[in-house]
Protein backbone atom coordinates (compact mmCIF):
# COMPACT_ATOMS: atom_id res chain seq x y z
CA MET A 1 -105.05 64.51 4.26
CA THR A 2 -105.33 65.99 0.70
CA VAL A 3 -107.43 62.98 -0.32
CA LEU A 4 -109.95 63.70 2.57
CA ALA A 5 -109.90 67.41 1.94
CA ASN A 6 -110.85 67.01 -1.62
CA ALA A 7 -113.18 63.92 -1.62
CA GLY A 8 -113.89 62.94 1.98
CA PRO A 9 -115.60 61.39 3.92
CA LEU A 10 -114.11 58.11 2.64
CA THR A 11 -113.81 54.57 3.83
CA LEU A 12 -110.63 52.80 4.48
CA SER A 13 -110.61 50.96 1.19
CA GLU A 14 -111.33 54.10 -0.73
CA ILE A 15 -108.49 55.99 0.94
CA ALA A 16 -106.12 53.15 0.32
CA ARG A 17 -107.02 52.88 -3.40
CA ARG A 18 -106.88 56.67 -3.98
CA THR A 19 -103.40 56.84 -2.22
CA ASP A 20 -102.21 53.56 -3.56
CA VAL A 21 -101.22 52.37 -0.06
CA ASN A 22 -101.70 48.91 1.46
CA LYS A 23 -104.93 48.75 3.40
CA SER A 24 -103.18 47.42 6.57
CA THR A 25 -100.59 50.23 6.37
CA MET A 26 -103.20 52.85 5.74
CA TYR A 27 -105.26 51.57 8.70
CA SER A 28 -102.29 51.98 11.06
CA LEU A 29 -101.79 55.47 9.75
CA LEU A 30 -105.38 56.41 10.20
CA VAL A 31 -105.66 55.13 13.72
CA SER A 32 -102.54 57.13 14.67
CA LEU A 33 -104.10 60.29 13.00
CA THR A 34 -107.36 59.66 14.74
CA ARG A 35 -105.74 59.41 18.13
CA SER A 36 -103.98 62.76 17.44
CA GLY A 37 -107.21 64.56 16.45
CA TRP A 38 -106.27 64.97 12.80
CA VAL A 39 -108.88 62.58 11.52
CA LEU A 40 -112.44 61.54 12.77
CA ARG A 41 -113.91 58.07 12.12
CA HIS A 42 -117.78 57.87 11.77
CA PRO A 43 -118.84 54.96 14.13
CA GLY A 44 -121.68 53.91 12.00
CA GLN A 45 -120.68 54.59 8.43
CA LYS A 46 -117.08 53.54 8.98
CA THR A 47 -115.86 56.60 7.04
CA PHE A 48 -112.97 59.00 7.86
CA HIS A 49 -113.30 62.84 7.97
CA LEU A 50 -110.83 65.60 8.72
CA GLY A 51 -110.44 66.16 12.38
CA PRO A 52 -110.75 69.10 14.85
CA GLU A 53 -107.02 69.62 15.00
CA LEU A 54 -106.80 70.30 11.29
CA MET A 55 -109.81 72.60 11.47
CA VAL A 56 -108.11 74.77 14.12
CA LEU A 57 -104.83 74.88 12.25
CA GLY A 58 -106.67 75.64 8.88
CA ARG A 59 -108.68 78.38 10.40
CA ALA A 60 -105.55 79.95 11.96
CA ALA A 61 -103.38 79.53 8.81
CA GLY A 62 -106.11 80.80 6.49
CA ASP A 63 -106.68 83.95 8.51
CA GLN A 64 -102.98 84.58 8.78
CA MET A 65 -101.80 83.60 5.40
CA PRO A 66 -100.32 87.01 4.35
CA VAL A 67 -98.36 87.49 7.71
CA LEU A 68 -97.21 83.79 7.44
CA GLU A 69 -95.80 84.46 3.94
CA LEU A 70 -93.94 87.44 5.30
CA ALA A 71 -92.75 85.54 8.50
CA ARG A 72 -91.45 82.45 6.75
CA PRO A 73 -88.29 83.90 5.32
CA LEU A 74 -87.41 85.51 8.65
CA MET A 75 -87.89 82.18 10.39
CA LEU A 76 -85.62 80.44 8.05
CA ASP A 77 -82.88 83.11 8.57
CA LEU A 78 -83.25 82.89 12.35
CA VAL A 79 -82.88 79.07 12.33
CA GLU A 80 -79.83 79.41 10.02
CA GLU A 81 -78.22 82.11 12.14
CA TYR A 82 -78.82 80.73 15.69
CA ASP A 83 -79.29 76.93 15.03
CA VAL A 84 -82.34 76.75 17.22
CA PRO A 85 -86.05 76.00 16.25
CA CYS A 86 -88.42 78.93 15.34
CA ARG A 87 -92.20 78.92 15.51
CA ALA A 88 -95.04 81.14 14.66
CA TYR A 89 -98.07 81.29 17.05
CA ARG A 90 -101.60 82.50 16.33
CA ARG A 91 -103.98 83.33 19.07
CA LEU A 92 -107.39 81.74 18.99
CA GLY A 93 -109.45 82.65 22.00
CA SER A 94 -107.84 81.33 25.16
CA VAL A 95 -105.12 79.32 23.45
CA SER A 96 -102.24 79.95 21.09
CA VAL A 97 -101.79 77.64 18.13
CA VAL A 98 -98.49 76.83 16.30
CA VAL A 99 -99.25 77.79 12.66
CA ASP A 100 -95.80 77.29 11.26
CA ALA A 101 -92.47 75.82 12.47
CA VAL A 102 -88.94 75.72 11.16
CA LEU A 103 -87.02 73.03 13.05
CA ARG A 104 -83.47 71.86 13.03
CA GLY A 105 -81.72 68.46 13.13
CA ASP A 106 -83.54 66.10 15.55
CA ILE A 107 -85.41 68.80 17.33
CA SER A 108 -89.05 68.49 16.67
CA PRO A 109 -91.21 70.03 19.40
CA ALA A 110 -94.34 72.01 18.93
CA ALA A 111 -95.32 70.99 15.43
CA ARG A 112 -98.08 72.81 13.61
CA GLY A 113 -101.43 72.45 15.28
CA GLN A 114 -100.11 72.33 18.80
CA GLN A 115 -102.15 74.42 21.22
CA PHE A 116 -101.07 75.98 24.49
CA PRO A 117 -103.24 77.85 27.06
CA ILE A 118 -102.90 81.65 27.31
CA ARG A 119 -102.59 81.93 31.04
CA PRO A 120 -99.70 83.11 33.24
CA PRO A 121 -96.94 82.58 32.92
CA PHE A 122 -97.75 81.59 29.29
CA GLY A 123 -99.11 83.96 26.48
CA ALA A 124 -97.52 87.15 27.87
CA ILE A 125 -96.31 88.13 24.48
CA PHE A 126 -99.99 88.46 23.40
CA ALA A 127 -101.40 89.93 26.58
CA ALA A 128 -98.80 92.76 26.48
CA TRP A 129 -100.45 94.08 23.24
CA ASP A 130 -104.03 93.49 24.25
CA PRO A 131 -106.39 96.43 25.13
CA PRO A 132 -105.94 97.39 28.83
CA ASP A 133 -108.98 95.53 30.07
CA ALA A 134 -107.95 92.27 28.37
CA ALA A 135 -104.34 92.59 29.67
CA GLU A 136 -105.59 93.17 33.11
CA ALA A 137 -107.78 90.08 32.95
CA TRP A 138 -104.61 88.03 31.98
CA CYS A 139 -102.80 89.51 34.99
CA GLN A 140 -105.61 88.58 37.36
CA SER A 141 -105.72 85.07 36.07
CA GLY A 142 -102.27 84.25 37.57
CA ASN A 143 -101.52 82.30 40.71
CA SER A 144 -102.08 84.78 43.56
CA LYS A 145 -100.45 82.25 46.03
CA ASP A 146 -97.26 82.62 44.23
CA PRO A 147 -95.53 86.06 44.59
CA ALA A 148 -94.28 85.78 40.94
CA GLY A 149 -97.86 85.20 39.77
CA SER A 150 -99.47 88.18 41.56
CA PRO A 151 -101.24 90.80 39.35
CA GLU A 152 -98.75 93.42 40.45
CA VAL A 153 -95.79 91.37 39.17
CA LEU A 154 -97.51 90.43 36.06
CA ARG A 155 -98.45 94.02 35.20
CA GLU A 156 -94.74 94.82 35.45
CA GLU A 157 -93.90 91.97 33.32
CA LEU A 158 -96.23 93.19 30.57
CA ALA A 159 -94.93 96.66 30.89
CA GLY A 160 -91.43 95.30 30.51
CA ILE A 161 -92.40 93.42 27.38
CA ARG A 162 -93.86 96.53 25.87
CA ARG A 163 -90.65 98.54 26.70
CA ARG A 164 -88.42 96.04 25.08
CA GLY A 165 -90.65 94.72 22.30
CA TYR A 166 -89.94 91.06 23.23
CA SER A 167 -90.48 88.53 25.96
CA LEU A 168 -88.22 85.92 27.55
CA MET A 169 -88.74 82.67 29.28
CA LEU A 170 -85.49 81.70 31.08
CA SER A 171 -84.04 80.71 34.28
CA ARG A 172 -80.68 80.74 36.09
CA GLU A 173 -78.31 77.89 35.04
CA ASN A 174 -78.56 74.74 37.16
CA ASP A 175 -82.18 75.56 38.23
CA SER A 176 -83.36 71.95 38.77
CA GLY A 177 -87.04 72.98 39.01
CA THR A 178 -86.91 74.45 35.42
CA GLU A 179 -85.10 71.42 34.18
CA GLU A 180 -88.07 69.26 35.32
CA LEU A 181 -90.58 71.75 33.76
CA ILE A 182 -88.80 71.73 30.33
CA ALA A 183 -88.61 68.00 30.47
CA GLN A 184 -92.35 67.78 30.96
CA ILE A 185 -93.08 70.19 28.17
CA MET A 186 -91.08 68.16 25.78
CA ARG A 187 -92.88 64.96 26.75
CA LEU A 188 -96.21 66.76 26.47
CA LEU A 189 -95.56 67.70 22.87
CA ASP A 190 -95.65 64.07 21.71
CA LEU A 191 -99.11 63.33 23.33
CA SER A 192 -102.37 62.94 21.38
CA HIS A 193 -104.93 65.66 21.61
CA GLY A 194 -107.13 63.98 24.20
CA ARG A 195 -104.28 63.32 26.57
CA ARG A 196 -102.67 66.70 25.87
CA VAL A 197 -105.71 68.56 27.40
CA ALA A 198 -105.33 66.70 30.77
CA GLU A 199 -101.59 66.96 30.74
CA LEU A 200 -101.66 70.72 30.07
CA ASN A 201 -103.60 71.08 33.38
CA ASP A 202 -100.91 69.15 35.18
CA LEU A 203 -98.32 71.18 33.47
CA LEU A 204 -99.84 74.49 34.68
CA LYS A 205 -99.76 73.06 38.27
CA LEU A 206 -96.17 72.33 37.90
CA VAL A 207 -95.45 75.86 36.48
CA GLU A 208 -96.96 77.40 39.65
CA ASN A 209 -94.37 75.82 41.78
CA THR A 210 -91.39 76.15 39.44
CA HIS A 211 -88.98 79.13 39.20
CA ILE A 212 -89.31 79.85 35.40
CA GLU A 213 -90.30 83.38 34.57
CA GLU A 214 -90.53 86.05 31.76
CA THR A 215 -88.11 88.64 32.84
CA SER A 216 -86.75 92.00 31.64
CA LEU A 217 -83.13 91.00 32.60
CA VAL A 218 -83.02 94.11 34.92
CA ASN A 219 -81.97 92.02 37.88
CA THR A 220 -79.75 89.47 36.23
CA THR A 221 -76.30 88.83 37.90
CA ARG A 222 -73.29 90.14 36.06
CA GLY A 223 -71.47 87.13 34.59
CA ALA A 224 -74.30 84.65 35.29
CA LYS A 225 -75.39 82.21 32.70
CA TYR A 226 -79.17 81.64 31.71
CA ARG A 227 -81.03 78.71 30.21
CA VAL A 228 -83.20 80.32 27.66
CA ARG A 229 -86.55 78.37 26.93
CA ALA A 230 -87.75 80.97 24.45
CA ILE A 231 -87.57 84.47 23.09
CA ASN A 232 -90.73 85.84 21.70
CA ALA A 233 -91.70 88.88 19.63
CA ALA A 234 -95.18 89.93 18.37
CA VAL A 235 -96.29 90.96 14.88
CA LEU A 236 -98.71 93.88 15.40
CA ASP A 237 -101.62 94.89 13.32
CA THR A 238 -102.75 98.50 12.62
CA THR A 239 -104.53 98.60 15.93
CA GLY A 240 -101.36 97.73 17.82
CA CYS A 241 -102.63 94.26 18.90
CA ALA A 242 -100.54 91.07 18.42
CA VAL A 243 -101.84 89.05 15.51
CA MET A 244 -98.88 86.50 15.65
CA ALA A 245 -95.93 85.75 17.78
CA ILE A 246 -92.59 84.56 16.51
CA GLN A 247 -90.65 82.37 18.99
CA LEU A 248 -87.06 81.35 18.93
CA GLY A 249 -85.76 78.57 21.15
CA PRO A 250 -85.05 76.58 23.14
CA PHE A 251 -81.32 77.26 23.28
CA GLU A 252 -79.24 74.16 24.06
CA LYS A 253 -76.34 76.20 25.49
CA SER A 254 -76.50 78.58 28.46
CA LEU A 255 -76.28 82.28 27.51
CA SER A 256 -75.02 85.43 29.16
CA ALA A 257 -77.44 88.31 29.77
CA ALA A 258 -75.70 90.33 27.25
CA THR A 259 -76.12 87.62 24.57
CA VAL A 260 -79.85 87.12 25.46
CA LYS A 261 -80.39 90.85 25.02
CA ARG A 262 -78.57 90.90 21.71
CA ILE A 263 -80.63 88.10 20.26
CA GLY A 264 -83.89 89.64 21.61
CA GLU A 265 -83.04 92.86 19.95
CA ARG A 266 -82.33 91.07 16.64
CA LEU A 267 -85.72 89.28 16.85
CA ARG A 268 -87.62 92.57 17.79
CA ARG A 269 -86.10 94.44 14.82
CA ALA A 270 -86.91 91.72 12.34
CA VAL A 271 -90.50 91.12 13.51
CA GLY A 272 -90.92 94.92 13.59
CA GLU A 273 -90.32 95.03 9.84
CA ILE A 274 -93.25 92.53 9.36
CA SER A 275 -95.42 94.74 11.45
CA ALA A 276 -94.45 97.71 9.23
CA MET A 277 -95.29 95.74 6.14
CA LEU A 278 -98.79 95.19 7.59
CA GLY A 279 -99.18 98.94 8.17
CA SER A 280 -98.40 98.88 11.82
CA GLY A 281 -95.58 100.61 13.74
CA SER A 282 -92.90 98.51 15.48
CA ALA A 283 -93.48 97.14 18.98
CA GLU A 284 -91.35 99.79 20.52
CA SER A 285 -93.38 102.54 18.95
CA ARG A 286 -96.60 100.98 20.57
CA THR A 287 -95.40 101.34 24.09
CA ARG A 288 -98.44 102.38 26.30
């Protein structure tokens, strides 16, 4: 990638020579990178260029470099403390892009550059801190046929996130529908860019029929256990809008409501410190 960034576009032979890698090996690598959208091949000139996936990631990372530098130590601490993956997301239009990731062991979902649609039930951590008209547009884009996706429910969801300063994606233990959803998400993350777009549409259809929600934990059952897919907190700018989201999870073991709340508070406070460094108040001080 560095060779293409500094000297591209280049032919296969030129890339192999500059990297001191066998041509057949380099060809296999370039084919894989092309399928993933990281590299483009000119059909006429037979040269290779940086692909659209890298452009999206580079734009997001470049715009957010100061906040990424502030977030990285926090992410390392969170992974060390809870032994689960931690990612940083940047919003680009109607999608969120993974701009940094600290993973553990053999867990490797959502590598840098992965994109996800900001559409209910996803992206609430960004919508919660949007201006009122944009937040309402997110609420209106939910599945009106599903009671959990109605604008009224989604408005309450965003209000709950603003009160707490973090969002949750979880389900009751032994919820088979959620298990299938999580399995599909994990499979999706290994797909190439071209297939990923189509698979995301199928995933959203599955979500509409699956009991997985962002919740305030108000109605959790005492003593019940929950499968936690993600806990998210937003880094806010001086206008009170989310410039980046830090996500912790998924958690392999089921957690009690009290434990989920304790971890959420830990994440909220830590991310709030980053917001303060950027000149913003913490999430809790931005409640509307």
